[in-house]
Amino acid sequence: MSLDEIRARVTQAEADAGRAPGSVTLIAVSKVQPLDRVEAVLAAGQRVFGENRVQEAAGKWPALMDRFAGVELHLIGPLQSNKTRQAVELFDAIHSLDRIRLAQRLADHAQERGASPDLFIQVNTGEEPQKAGVLPGEADGFIVECRALDLPVRGLMCIPPVEETPALHFALLARIAARNGLSGLSMGMSDDFEQAIAFGATHVRVGSAIFGSRAYD
């Protein structure tokens, strides 16, 4: 499927949900994709990309940013505390804030720089033990803690369990965001982004539908 087709589906989903055109940001998830595929999507005009690992992004994106103006980079994978300084310098947004120690490290580095990436708190809506994220029952308190650190919390992120209906998780995330006055909802991937848009997603993370199957070593 082409980038133009995905963009058209996003636009149609916005219209179907009564959303304003352009209210949803399409994040092209470029993790472990061959460089030629990433360059082709850049050449087609896409400028917002998502990466899972700080180290991979650091090895790939600085050179690409020199060649393609206006790139916006989002970290959508787990962030280790020892990678926070590098992440703050490289990324425009981080979607995986999920623990207070990480919040404190991000606040320290942001204060040093005088600027911070936009932050999304990851909520483990399925309460899966193997998955990162704040539990839904602890999300309100964690949002308060992050705001007390003067962090720019823009919204929430979730990855629904693969065996469950994603709509239930999108609705839960939207409720938590609404009661905390957060407008950003990072939810929806290649298989369910249209449904996520219907539930208020502001950022959808689409990889394989744009790039094709990932090229793991």
N, C-alpha and C. Protein backbone atom coordinates (compact mmCIF):
# COMPACT_ATOMS: atom_id res chain seq x y z
N MET A 1 0.84 -1.20 0.00
CA MET A 1 0.00 0.00 0.00
C MET A 1 0.88 1.25 0.00
N SER A 2 0.47 2.28 -0.73
CA SER A 2 1.31 3.47 -0.86
C SER A 2 1.02 4.48 0.23
N LEU A 3 1.97 5.39 0.41
CA LEU A 3 1.78 6.47 1.36
C LEU A 3 0.54 7.29 1.02
N ASP A 4 0.31 7.54 -0.28
CA ASP A 4 -0.87 8.31 -0.69
C ASP A 4 -2.16 7.61 -0.29
N GLU A 5 -2.19 6.29 -0.40
CA GLU A 5 -3.38 5.54 0.00
C GLU A 5 -3.63 5.65 1.51
N ILE A 6 -2.57 5.56 2.29
CA ILE A 6 -2.72 5.69 3.75
C ILE A 6 -3.19 7.10 4.10
N ARG A 7 -2.62 8.09 3.47
CA ARG A 7 -3.06 9.47 3.72
C ARG A 7 -4.53 9.65 3.38
N ALA A 8 -4.95 9.06 2.27
CA ALA A 8 -6.36 9.16 1.86
C ALA A 8 -7.27 8.49 2.87
N ARG A 9 -6.84 7.36 3.41
CA ARG A 9 -7.64 6.66 4.43
C ARG A 9 -7.71 7.46 5.71
N VAL A 10 -6.62 8.11 6.09
CA VAL A 10 -6.64 8.98 7.28
C VAL A 10 -7.63 10.13 7.07
N THR A 11 -7.57 10.76 5.90
CA THR A 11 -8.47 11.87 5.58
C THR A 11 -9.92 11.42 5.61
N GLN A 12 -10.20 10.25 5.05
CA GLN A 12 -11.57 9.73 5.04
C GLN A 12 -12.04 9.41 6.46
N ALA A 13 -11.14 8.83 7.28
CA ALA A 13 -11.50 8.51 8.66
C ALA A 13 -11.78 9.78 9.46
N GLU A 14 -11.01 10.83 9.21
CA GLU A 14 -11.30 12.12 9.85
C GLU A 14 -12.70 12.60 9.49
N ALA A 15 -13.03 12.53 8.20
CA ALA A 15 -14.34 12.99 7.74
C ALA A 15 -15.46 12.13 8.33
N ASP A 16 -15.27 10.81 8.34
CA ASP A 16 -16.29 9.91 8.88
C ASP A 16 -16.56 10.16 10.36
N ALA A 17 -15.51 10.59 11.07
CA ALA A 17 -15.64 10.85 12.51
C ALA A 17 -16.06 12.29 12.81
N GLY A 18 -16.25 13.09 11.77
CA GLY A 18 -16.60 14.49 11.98
C GLY A 18 -15.45 15.32 12.50
N ARG A 19 -14.26 14.86 12.21
CA ARG A 19 -13.04 15.55 12.66
C ARG A 19 -12.60 16.54 11.59
N ALA A 20 -11.88 17.57 12.03
CA ALA A 20 -11.36 18.55 11.08
C ALA A 20 -10.27 17.92 10.22
N PRO A 21 -10.21 18.27 8.94
CA PRO A 21 -9.14 17.77 8.08
C PRO A 21 -7.77 18.17 8.64
N GLY A 22 -6.85 17.22 8.67
CA GLY A 22 -5.52 17.51 9.19
C GLY A 22 -5.39 17.45 10.70
N SER A 23 -6.45 17.00 11.38
CA SER A 23 -6.39 16.93 12.85
C SER A 23 -5.63 15.71 13.36
N VAL A 24 -5.32 14.79 12.46
CA VAL A 24 -4.58 13.58 12.83
C VAL A 24 -3.19 13.62 12.20
N THR A 25 -2.17 13.40 13.02
CA THR A 25 -0.80 13.33 12.53
C THR A 25 -0.44 11.89 12.21
N LEU A 26 -0.02 11.66 10.97
CA LEU A 26 0.41 10.33 10.56
C LEU A 26 1.90 10.17 10.85
N ILE A 27 2.23 9.24 11.75
CA ILE A 27 3.62 8.92 12.07
C ILE A 27 4.01 7.68 11.27
N ALA A 28 4.96 7.83 10.37
CA ALA A 28 5.46 6.69 9.59
C ALA A 28 6.52 5.97 10.42
N VAL A 29 6.21 4.76 10.83
CA VAL A 29 7.10 4.01 11.73
C VAL A 29 8.19 3.35 10.91
N SER A 30 9.39 3.91 11.02
CA SER A 30 10.50 3.51 10.14
C SER A 30 11.50 2.58 10.82
N LYS A 31 11.17 2.07 12.00
CA LYS A 31 12.11 1.20 12.71
C LYS A 31 12.48 -0.01 11.86
N VAL A 32 13.75 -0.37 11.88
CA VAL A 32 14.37 -1.48 11.15
C VAL A 32 13.97 -1.56 9.68
N GLN A 33 13.63 -0.44 9.08
CA GLN A 33 13.35 -0.41 7.65
C GLN A 33 14.63 -0.09 6.88
N PRO A 34 14.81 -0.69 5.71
CA PRO A 34 15.98 -0.37 4.90
C PRO A 34 16.00 1.11 4.53
N LEU A 35 17.19 1.65 4.41
CA LEU A 35 17.35 3.08 4.16
C LEU A 35 16.66 3.52 2.87
N ASP A 36 16.69 2.66 1.85
CA ASP A 36 16.08 3.08 0.59
C ASP A 36 14.57 3.26 0.72
N ARG A 37 13.92 2.44 1.55
CA ARG A 37 12.48 2.60 1.77
C ARG A 37 12.19 3.90 2.51
N VAL A 38 13.01 4.20 3.51
CA VAL A 38 12.81 5.43 4.28
C VAL A 38 13.01 6.65 3.37
N GLU A 39 14.05 6.60 2.54
CA GLU A 39 14.32 7.71 1.62
C GLU A 39 13.17 7.90 0.63
N ALA A 40 12.58 6.80 0.18
CA ALA A 40 11.46 6.90 -0.77
C ALA A 40 10.25 7.58 -0.13
N VAL A 41 9.99 7.26 1.13
CA VAL A 41 8.86 7.88 1.83
C VAL A 41 9.14 9.35 2.11
N LEU A 42 10.39 9.66 2.44
CA LEU A 42 10.79 11.06 2.59
C LEU A 42 10.61 11.82 1.27
N ALA A 43 11.04 11.20 0.18
CA ALA A 43 10.92 11.84 -1.14
C ALA A 43 9.47 12.07 -1.52
N ALA A 44 8.57 11.23 -0.98
CA ALA A 44 7.14 11.38 -1.26
C ALA A 44 6.49 12.47 -0.39
N GLY A 45 7.30 13.08 0.47
CA GLY A 45 6.80 14.22 1.23
C GLY A 45 6.48 13.97 2.69
N GLN A 46 6.60 12.73 3.16
CA GLN A 46 6.33 12.45 4.57
C GLN A 46 7.45 13.04 5.43
N ARG A 47 7.08 13.68 6.53
CA ARG A 47 8.09 14.31 7.38
C ARG A 47 8.01 13.90 8.85
N VAL A 48 7.00 13.16 9.27
CA VAL A 48 6.88 12.73 10.66
C VAL A 48 7.14 11.23 10.72
N PHE A 49 8.16 10.84 11.49
CA PHE A 49 8.58 9.45 11.55
C PHE A 49 8.68 8.97 13.00
N GLY A 50 8.50 7.67 13.17
CA GLY A 50 8.60 7.06 14.49
C GLY A 50 9.67 6.00 14.54
N GLU A 51 10.44 6.01 15.62
CA GLU A 51 11.49 5.01 15.84
C GLU A 51 11.31 4.38 17.21
N ASN A 52 11.74 3.11 17.34
CA ASN A 52 11.59 2.38 18.60
C ASN A 52 12.81 2.47 19.50
N ARG A 53 13.98 2.65 18.88
CA ARG A 53 15.22 2.60 19.66
C ARG A 53 16.04 3.87 19.44
N VAL A 54 16.54 4.41 20.53
CA VAL A 54 17.34 5.63 20.45
C VAL A 54 18.59 5.39 19.61
N GLN A 55 19.26 4.27 19.84
CA GLN A 55 20.53 4.01 19.16
C GLN A 55 20.34 3.87 17.65
N GLU A 56 19.29 3.16 17.24
CA GLU A 56 19.03 3.01 15.81
C GLU A 56 18.72 4.36 15.17
N ALA A 57 17.91 5.15 15.86
CA ALA A 57 17.54 6.47 15.33
C ALA A 57 18.76 7.37 15.21
N ALA A 58 19.64 7.31 16.22
CA ALA A 58 20.83 8.16 16.21
C ALA A 58 21.77 7.80 15.08
N GLY A 59 21.78 6.54 14.67
CA GLY A 59 22.64 6.12 13.58
C GLY A 59 22.07 6.40 12.20
N LYS A 60 20.80 6.71 12.14
CA LYS A 60 20.11 6.84 10.86
C LYS A 60 19.70 8.28 10.54
N TRP A 61 19.14 8.98 11.54
CA TRP A 61 18.41 10.20 11.22
C TRP A 61 19.21 11.48 11.08
N PRO A 62 20.30 11.69 11.80
CA PRO A 62 21.03 12.96 11.60
C PRO A 62 21.42 13.20 10.15
N ALA A 63 21.91 12.19 9.46
CA ALA A 63 22.30 12.36 8.05
C ALA A 63 21.08 12.61 7.17
N LEU A 64 19.98 11.91 7.46
CA LEU A 64 18.76 12.12 6.68
C LEU A 64 18.20 13.53 6.90
N MET A 65 18.30 14.01 8.14
CA MET A 65 17.80 15.36 8.44
C MET A 65 18.60 16.43 7.72
N ASP A 66 19.88 16.14 7.46
CA ASP A 66 20.70 17.09 6.70
C ASP A 66 20.23 17.19 5.26
N ARG A 67 19.66 16.10 4.75
CA ARG A 67 19.23 16.06 3.36
C ARG A 67 17.77 16.45 3.16
N PHE A 68 16.94 16.18 4.16
CA PHE A 68 15.51 16.45 4.05
C PHE A 68 15.08 17.40 5.16
N ALA A 69 14.66 18.58 4.79
CA ALA A 69 14.29 19.59 5.79
C ALA A 69 12.94 19.28 6.41
N GLY A 70 12.79 19.71 7.66
CA GLY A 70 11.48 19.66 8.31
C GLY A 70 11.08 18.33 8.89
N VAL A 71 12.04 17.42 9.09
CA VAL A 71 11.72 16.11 9.66
C VAL A 71 11.38 16.27 11.14
N GLU A 72 10.33 15.55 11.56
CA GLU A 72 9.92 15.51 12.97
C GLU A 72 10.02 14.06 13.41
N LEU A 73 10.78 13.83 14.48
CA LEU A 73 11.08 12.47 14.90
C LEU A 73 10.43 12.16 16.25
N HIS A 74 9.72 11.01 16.29
CA HIS A 74 9.00 10.59 17.50
C HIS A 74 9.57 9.27 17.99
N LEU A 75 9.88 9.19 19.28
CA LEU A 75 10.28 7.93 19.89
C LEU A 75 9.02 7.23 20.38
N ILE A 76 8.74 6.04 19.83
CA ILE A 76 7.52 5.33 20.19
C ILE A 76 7.80 4.04 20.95
N GLY A 77 9.08 3.72 21.14
CA GLY A 77 9.45 2.51 21.87
C GLY A 77 9.92 2.85 23.27
N PRO A 78 10.18 1.82 24.08
CA PRO A 78 10.62 2.02 25.47
C PRO A 78 11.91 2.84 25.54
N LEU A 79 11.99 3.67 26.57
CA LEU A 79 13.17 4.52 26.76
C LEU A 79 13.87 4.14 28.05
N GLN A 80 15.13 3.73 27.92
CA GLN A 80 15.94 3.41 29.10
C GLN A 80 16.42 4.72 29.73
N SER A 81 16.52 4.72 31.05
CA SER A 81 16.92 5.93 31.76
C SER A 81 18.28 6.44 31.32
N ASN A 82 19.20 5.52 30.96
CA ASN A 82 20.54 5.95 30.56
C ASN A 82 20.60 6.51 29.14
N LYS A 83 19.46 6.49 28.44
CA LYS A 83 19.40 7.04 27.08
C LYS A 83 18.61 8.35 27.02
N THR A 84 18.24 8.88 28.19
CA THR A 84 17.34 10.03 28.19
C THR A 84 18.00 11.27 27.59
N ARG A 85 19.26 11.53 27.91
CA ARG A 85 19.91 12.73 27.38
C ARG A 85 19.93 12.70 25.85
N GLN A 86 20.33 11.56 25.30
CA GLN A 86 20.39 11.42 23.85
C GLN A 86 18.99 11.55 23.23
N ALA A 87 17.99 10.98 23.90
CA ALA A 87 16.63 11.04 23.40
C ALA A 87 16.10 12.47 23.38
N VAL A 88 16.37 13.22 24.45
CA VAL A 88 15.92 14.60 24.54
C VAL A 88 16.53 15.46 23.44
N GLU A 89 17.76 15.15 23.08
CA GLU A 89 18.45 15.93 22.04
C GLU A 89 17.99 15.56 20.63
N LEU A 90 17.55 14.31 20.43
CA LEU A 90 17.26 13.81 19.09
C LEU A 90 15.79 13.90 18.70
N PHE A 91 14.90 13.66 19.65
CA PHE A 91 13.48 13.49 19.32
C PHE A 91 12.66 14.75 19.59
N ASP A 92 11.65 14.94 18.74
CA ASP A 92 10.70 16.04 18.92
C ASP A 92 9.58 15.63 19.87
N ALA A 93 9.33 14.33 19.98
CA ALA A 93 8.29 13.83 20.89
C ALA A 93 8.68 12.44 21.37
N ILE A 94 8.31 12.14 22.60
CA ILE A 94 8.55 10.83 23.21
C ILE A 94 7.20 10.29 23.67
N HIS A 95 6.84 9.10 23.19
CA HIS A 95 5.50 8.54 23.45
C HIS A 95 5.51 7.47 24.53
N SER A 96 6.61 7.28 25.24
CA SER A 96 6.74 6.12 26.12
C SER A 96 7.16 6.48 27.54
N LEU A 97 6.71 7.63 28.02
CA LEU A 97 6.97 7.99 29.42
C LEU A 97 6.09 7.12 30.32
N ASP A 98 6.71 6.34 31.22
CA ASP A 98 5.92 5.35 31.96
C ASP A 98 6.35 5.13 33.41
N ARG A 99 7.30 5.94 33.91
CA ARG A 99 7.72 5.74 35.30
C ARG A 99 8.35 7.02 35.81
N ILE A 100 8.29 7.20 37.13
CA ILE A 100 8.68 8.48 37.71
C ILE A 100 10.18 8.73 37.57
N ARG A 101 11.00 7.68 37.67
CA ARG A 101 12.45 7.89 37.53
C ARG A 101 12.77 8.45 36.15
N LEU A 102 12.11 7.91 35.14
CA LEU A 102 12.31 8.40 33.78
C LEU A 102 11.83 9.85 33.67
N ALA A 103 10.71 10.16 34.28
CA ALA A 103 10.19 11.53 34.26
C ALA A 103 11.19 12.50 34.88
N GLN A 104 11.80 12.09 36.00
CA GLN A 104 12.77 12.95 36.67
C GLN A 104 14.01 13.17 35.81
N ARG A 105 14.47 12.11 35.14
CA ARG A 105 15.63 12.25 34.25
C ARG A 105 15.31 13.18 33.07
N LEU A 106 14.15 13.01 32.50
CA LEU A 106 13.74 13.86 31.39
C LEU A 106 13.64 15.32 31.84
N ALA A 107 13.11 15.54 33.04
CA ALA A 107 13.00 16.90 33.55
C ALA A 107 14.37 17.52 33.76
N ASP A 108 15.31 16.75 34.28
CA ASP A 108 16.68 17.26 34.49
C ASP A 108 17.32 17.68 33.17
N HIS A 109 17.21 16.82 32.16
CA HIS A 109 17.84 17.12 30.87
C HIS A 109 17.13 18.28 30.18
N ALA A 110 15.81 18.33 30.29
CA ALA A 110 15.07 19.43 29.69
C ALA A 110 15.45 20.76 30.32
N GLN A 111 15.68 20.74 31.63
CA GLN A 111 16.07 21.97 32.32
C GLN A 111 17.46 22.42 31.88
N GLU A 112 18.36 21.46 31.68
CA GLU A 112 19.70 21.79 31.19
C GLU A 112 19.65 22.45 29.82
N ARG A 113 18.79 21.90 28.94
CA ARG A 113 18.71 22.39 27.57
C ARG A 113 17.82 23.62 27.42
N GLY A 114 16.91 23.78 28.37
CA GLY A 114 15.94 24.86 28.24
C GLY A 114 14.82 24.51 27.28
N ALA A 115 14.68 23.23 26.97
CA ALA A 115 13.63 22.78 26.06
C ALA A 115 13.42 21.28 26.27
N SER A 116 12.23 20.82 25.91
CA SER A 116 11.90 19.41 26.07
C SER A 116 11.09 18.93 24.88
N PRO A 117 11.27 17.66 24.50
CA PRO A 117 10.34 17.10 23.52
C PRO A 117 8.92 17.08 24.10
N ASP A 118 7.92 17.06 23.25
CA ASP A 118 6.56 16.79 23.70
C ASP A 118 6.52 15.39 24.28
N LEU A 119 5.73 15.19 25.32
CA LEU A 119 5.71 13.91 26.01
C LEU A 119 4.31 13.31 26.02
N PHE A 120 4.27 12.00 25.76
CA PHE A 120 3.04 11.23 25.88
C PHE A 120 3.28 10.15 26.93
N ILE A 121 2.36 10.01 27.85
CA ILE A 121 2.47 8.97 28.87
C ILE A 121 1.87 7.68 28.32
N GLN A 122 2.66 6.61 28.38
CA GLN A 122 2.17 5.31 27.92
C GLN A 122 1.34 4.65 29.01
N VAL A 123 0.11 4.28 28.64
CA VAL A 123 -0.80 3.61 29.57
C VAL A 123 -0.97 2.16 29.13
N ASN A 124 -0.75 1.25 30.05
CA ASN A 124 -0.90 -0.19 29.79
C ASN A 124 -2.37 -0.55 29.97
N THR A 125 -3.17 -0.20 28.95
CA THR A 125 -4.62 -0.33 29.08
C THR A 125 -5.08 -1.77 29.28
N GLY A 126 -4.29 -2.74 28.78
CA GLY A 126 -4.64 -4.14 28.95
C GLY A 126 -4.08 -4.75 30.23
N GLU A 127 -3.34 -3.94 31.01
CA GLU A 127 -2.71 -4.40 32.25
C GLU A 127 -1.93 -5.69 32.01
N GLU A 128 -1.17 -5.69 30.91
CA GLU A 128 -0.37 -6.86 30.55
C GLU A 128 0.96 -6.82 31.29
N PRO A 129 1.33 -7.88 32.01
CA PRO A 129 2.56 -7.84 32.81
C PRO A 129 3.82 -7.69 31.98
N GLN A 130 3.81 -8.15 30.73
CA GLN A 130 5.02 -8.08 29.91
C GLN A 130 5.15 -6.76 29.17
N LYS A 131 4.18 -5.86 29.31
CA LYS A 131 4.16 -4.64 28.51
C LYS A 131 4.42 -3.42 29.39
N ALA A 132 5.17 -2.46 28.84
CA ALA A 132 5.45 -1.22 29.55
C ALA A 132 4.17 -0.38 29.65
N GLY A 133 4.23 0.61 30.52
CA GLY A 133 3.11 1.53 30.64
C GLY A 133 2.58 1.62 32.05
N VAL A 134 2.02 2.76 32.37
CA VAL A 134 1.38 2.99 33.66
C VAL A 134 0.03 2.28 33.66
N LEU A 135 -0.35 1.66 34.75
CA LEU A 135 -1.65 1.01 34.83
C LEU A 135 -2.75 2.07 34.81
N PRO A 136 -3.90 1.75 34.23
CA PRO A 136 -4.98 2.74 34.13
C PRO A 136 -5.36 3.37 35.48
N GLY A 137 -5.37 2.56 36.53
CA GLY A 137 -5.74 3.08 37.84
C GLY A 137 -4.72 4.02 38.45
N GLU A 138 -3.50 4.01 37.90
CA GLU A 138 -2.43 4.86 38.41
C GLU A 138 -2.14 6.05 37.49
N ALA A 139 -2.86 6.12 36.38
CA ALA A 139 -2.54 7.13 35.37
C ALA A 139 -2.78 8.56 35.86
N ASP A 140 -3.91 8.78 36.54
CA ASP A 140 -4.22 10.14 37.00
C ASP A 140 -3.12 10.67 37.92
N GLY A 141 -2.70 9.85 38.87
CA GLY A 141 -1.67 10.27 39.80
C GLY A 141 -0.33 10.51 39.12
N PHE A 142 -0.01 9.66 38.14
CA PHE A 142 1.26 9.82 37.43
C PHE A 142 1.26 11.10 36.59
N ILE A 143 0.13 11.43 36.00
CA ILE A 143 0.03 12.68 35.24
C ILE A 143 0.29 13.87 36.16
N VAL A 144 -0.26 13.84 37.36
CA VAL A 144 -0.04 14.91 38.34
C VAL A 144 1.45 15.03 38.68
N GLU A 145 2.10 13.88 38.90
CA GLU A 145 3.54 13.88 39.23
C GLU A 145 4.37 14.48 38.10
N CYS A 146 4.04 14.12 36.87
CA CYS A 146 4.80 14.63 35.73
C CYS A 146 4.59 16.13 35.56
N ARG A 147 3.39 16.58 35.76
CA ARG A 147 3.11 18.02 35.66
C ARG A 147 3.83 18.80 36.76
N ALA A 148 3.98 18.17 37.92
CA ALA A 148 4.69 18.83 39.01
C ALA A 148 6.17 19.02 38.69
N LEU A 149 6.68 18.20 37.77
CA LEU A 149 8.07 18.33 37.31
C LEU A 149 8.19 19.32 36.16
N ASP A 150 7.09 19.97 35.83
CA ASP A 150 7.05 20.97 34.73
C ASP A 150 7.35 20.33 33.39
N LEU A 151 6.95 19.09 33.22
CA LEU A 151 7.15 18.40 31.95
C LEU A 151 5.99 18.70 31.00
N PRO A 152 6.26 18.85 29.71
CA PRO A 152 5.21 19.15 28.73
C PRO A 152 4.45 17.89 28.32
N VAL A 153 3.56 17.42 29.19
CA VAL A 153 2.76 16.24 28.89
C VAL A 153 1.65 16.65 27.93
N ARG A 154 1.72 16.15 26.70
CA ARG A 154 0.75 16.52 25.66
C ARG A 154 -0.38 15.53 25.52
N GLY A 155 -0.15 14.30 25.97
CA GLY A 155 -1.21 13.32 25.79
C GLY A 155 -0.81 11.95 26.30
N LEU A 156 -1.57 10.93 25.87
CA LEU A 156 -1.39 9.56 26.31
C LEU A 156 -1.18 8.66 25.09
N MET A 157 -0.55 7.52 25.33
CA MET A 157 -0.31 6.53 24.28
C MET A 157 -0.70 5.15 24.80
N CYS A 158 -1.21 4.30 23.90
CA CYS A 158 -1.45 2.91 24.29
C CYS A 158 -1.19 1.97 23.12
N ILE A 159 -0.93 0.72 23.46
CA ILE A 159 -0.80 -0.38 22.50
C ILE A 159 -1.75 -1.48 22.99
N PRO A 160 -2.93 -1.60 22.41
CA PRO A 160 -3.90 -2.59 22.89
C PRO A 160 -3.37 -4.01 22.77
N PRO A 161 -3.83 -4.91 23.64
CA PRO A 161 -3.47 -6.33 23.49
C PRO A 161 -3.93 -6.86 22.13
N VAL A 162 -3.11 -7.70 21.52
CA VAL A 162 -3.41 -8.15 20.17
C VAL A 162 -4.68 -8.99 20.10
N GLU A 163 -5.03 -9.66 21.21
CA GLU A 163 -6.16 -10.58 21.16
C GLU A 163 -7.47 -9.92 21.61
N GLU A 164 -7.44 -8.64 21.89
CA GLU A 164 -8.64 -7.95 22.36
C GLU A 164 -9.09 -6.89 21.36
N THR A 165 -10.38 -6.52 21.46
CA THR A 165 -10.92 -5.49 20.58
C THR A 165 -10.27 -4.16 20.90
N PRO A 166 -9.57 -3.54 19.93
CA PRO A 166 -8.86 -2.30 20.24
C PRO A 166 -9.77 -1.15 20.65
N ALA A 167 -11.01 -1.15 20.17
CA ALA A 167 -11.93 -0.05 20.48
C ALA A 167 -12.09 0.16 21.98
N LEU A 168 -12.13 -0.94 22.75
CA LEU A 168 -12.28 -0.82 24.21
C LEU A 168 -11.10 -0.06 24.81
N HIS A 169 -9.92 -0.29 24.29
CA HIS A 169 -8.71 0.34 24.81
C HIS A 169 -8.61 1.79 24.34
N PHE A 170 -9.00 2.05 23.10
CA PHE A 170 -9.03 3.43 22.61
C PHE A 170 -10.00 4.27 23.44
N ALA A 171 -11.16 3.70 23.75
CA ALA A 171 -12.15 4.43 24.54
C ALA A 171 -11.64 4.70 25.95
N LEU A 172 -10.97 3.71 26.55
CA LEU A 172 -10.41 3.89 27.89
C LEU A 172 -9.36 4.99 27.90
N LEU A 173 -8.47 4.96 26.92
CA LEU A 173 -7.41 5.98 26.86
C LEU A 173 -8.02 7.37 26.69
N ALA A 174 -9.04 7.47 25.85
CA ALA A 174 -9.69 8.76 25.61
C ALA A 174 -10.35 9.28 26.89
N ARG A 175 -10.93 8.40 27.68
CA ARG A 175 -11.57 8.83 28.94
C ARG A 175 -10.52 9.36 29.93
N ILE A 176 -9.40 8.65 30.05
CA ILE A 176 -8.34 9.09 30.97
C ILE A 176 -7.81 10.45 30.52
N ALA A 177 -7.59 10.61 29.21
CA ALA A 177 -7.08 11.88 28.70
C ALA A 177 -8.06 13.01 28.97
N ALA A 178 -9.34 12.77 28.72
CA ALA A 178 -10.35 13.82 28.86
C ALA A 178 -10.45 14.32 30.30
N ARG A 179 -10.44 13.41 31.25
CA ARG A 179 -10.61 13.85 32.64
C ARG A 179 -9.36 14.53 33.19
N ASN A 180 -8.24 14.40 32.45
CA ASN A 180 -7.02 15.08 32.86
C ASN A 180 -6.68 16.27 31.97
N GLY A 181 -7.60 16.65 31.10
CA GLY A 181 -7.39 17.82 30.26
C GLY A 181 -6.29 17.67 29.23
N LEU A 182 -6.08 16.43 28.75
CA LEU A 182 -5.04 16.17 27.76
C LEU A 182 -5.69 15.98 26.39
N SER A 183 -5.16 16.64 25.39
CA SER A 183 -5.75 16.58 24.05
C SER A 183 -5.11 15.55 23.15
N GLY A 184 -3.87 15.12 23.46
CA GLY A 184 -3.15 14.21 22.58
C GLY A 184 -3.46 12.75 22.85
N LEU A 185 -3.77 12.01 21.79
CA LEU A 185 -4.02 10.57 21.91
C LEU A 185 -3.22 9.85 20.82
N SER A 186 -2.15 9.19 21.23
CA SER A 186 -1.30 8.43 20.32
C SER A 186 -1.77 6.98 20.36
N MET A 187 -2.59 6.62 19.37
CA MET A 187 -3.17 5.27 19.36
C MET A 187 -3.61 4.92 17.95
N GLY A 188 -3.51 3.63 17.65
CA GLY A 188 -3.85 3.17 16.31
C GLY A 188 -2.61 2.88 15.50
N MET A 189 -2.59 1.68 14.88
CA MET A 189 -1.47 1.27 14.04
C MET A 189 -2.01 0.79 12.70
N SER A 190 -1.20 0.08 11.94
CA SER A 190 -1.57 -0.26 10.56
C SER A 190 -2.93 -0.93 10.45
N ASP A 191 -3.26 -1.81 11.39
CA ASP A 191 -4.50 -2.59 11.28
C ASP A 191 -5.73 -1.91 11.85
N ASP A 192 -5.55 -0.86 12.63
CA ASP A 192 -6.72 -0.31 13.33
C ASP A 192 -6.72 1.22 13.44
N PHE A 193 -5.92 1.91 12.61
CA PHE A 193 -5.81 3.35 12.80
C PHE A 193 -7.12 4.09 12.50
N GLU A 194 -7.92 3.57 11.59
CA GLU A 194 -9.19 4.24 11.29
C GLU A 194 -10.13 4.18 12.49
N GLN A 195 -10.14 3.05 13.16
CA GLN A 195 -10.95 2.91 14.37
C GLN A 195 -10.44 3.85 15.46
N ALA A 196 -9.12 3.96 15.57
CA ALA A 196 -8.54 4.87 16.56
C ALA A 196 -8.94 6.32 16.29
N ILE A 197 -8.96 6.70 15.03
CA ILE A 197 -9.36 8.07 14.67
C ILE A 197 -10.80 8.33 15.09
N ALA A 198 -11.66 7.32 14.94
CA ALA A 198 -13.06 7.46 15.36
C ALA A 198 -13.17 7.71 16.86
N PHE A 199 -12.18 7.23 17.63
CA PHE A 199 -12.19 7.43 19.08
C PHE A 199 -11.35 8.63 19.52
N GLY A 200 -10.87 9.43 18.56
CA GLY A 200 -10.20 10.67 18.90
C GLY A 200 -8.70 10.70 18.77
N ALA A 201 -8.10 9.69 18.15
CA ALA A 201 -6.64 9.69 17.99
C ALA A 201 -6.17 10.96 17.31
N THR A 202 -5.11 11.53 17.87
CA THR A 202 -4.46 12.69 17.23
C THR A 202 -3.18 12.29 16.52
N HIS A 203 -2.63 11.13 16.89
CA HIS A 203 -1.41 10.60 16.28
C HIS A 203 -1.62 9.11 16.03
N VAL A 204 -1.45 8.68 14.78
CA VAL A 204 -1.52 7.26 14.46
C VAL A 204 -0.15 6.80 13.97
N ARG A 205 0.23 5.59 14.38
CA ARG A 205 1.57 5.07 14.15
C ARG A 205 1.49 3.93 13.12
N VAL A 206 1.84 4.23 11.89
CA VAL A 206 1.65 3.27 10.80
C VAL A 206 3.00 2.91 10.19
N GLY A 207 3.33 1.62 10.23
CA GLY A 207 4.61 1.17 9.69
C GLY A 207 4.48 0.29 8.48
N SER A 208 4.07 -0.97 8.70
CA SER A 208 4.08 -1.95 7.61
C SER A 208 3.14 -1.56 6.47
N ALA A 209 2.05 -0.88 6.76
CA ALA A 209 1.12 -0.48 5.69
C ALA A 209 1.75 0.55 4.76
N ILE A 210 2.75 1.26 5.24
CA ILE A 210 3.46 2.24 4.40
C ILE A 210 4.71 1.64 3.77
N PHE A 211 5.51 0.94 4.60
CA PHE A 211 6.84 0.50 4.16
C PHE A 211 6.87 -0.95 3.65
N GLY A 212 5.86 -1.73 4.01
CA GLY A 212 5.95 -3.16 3.76
C GLY A 212 6.52 -3.87 5.00
N SER A 213 6.69 -5.18 4.92
CA SER A 213 7.18 -5.94 6.05
C SER A 213 8.54 -5.45 6.50
N ARG A 214 8.75 -5.48 7.81
CA ARG A 214 10.01 -5.00 8.36
C ARG A 214 11.15 -5.94 8.03
N ALA A 215 12.33 -5.34 7.88
CA ALA A 215 13.51 -6.11 7.46
C ALA A 215 14.38 -6.42 8.68
N TYR A 216 13.96 -7.39 9.49
CA TYR A 216 14.78 -7.78 10.65
C TYR A 216 15.99 -8.58 10.20
N ASP A 217 17.07 -8.39 10.95
CA ASP A 217 18.28 -9.16 10.64
C ASP A 217 18.07 -10.62 10.99
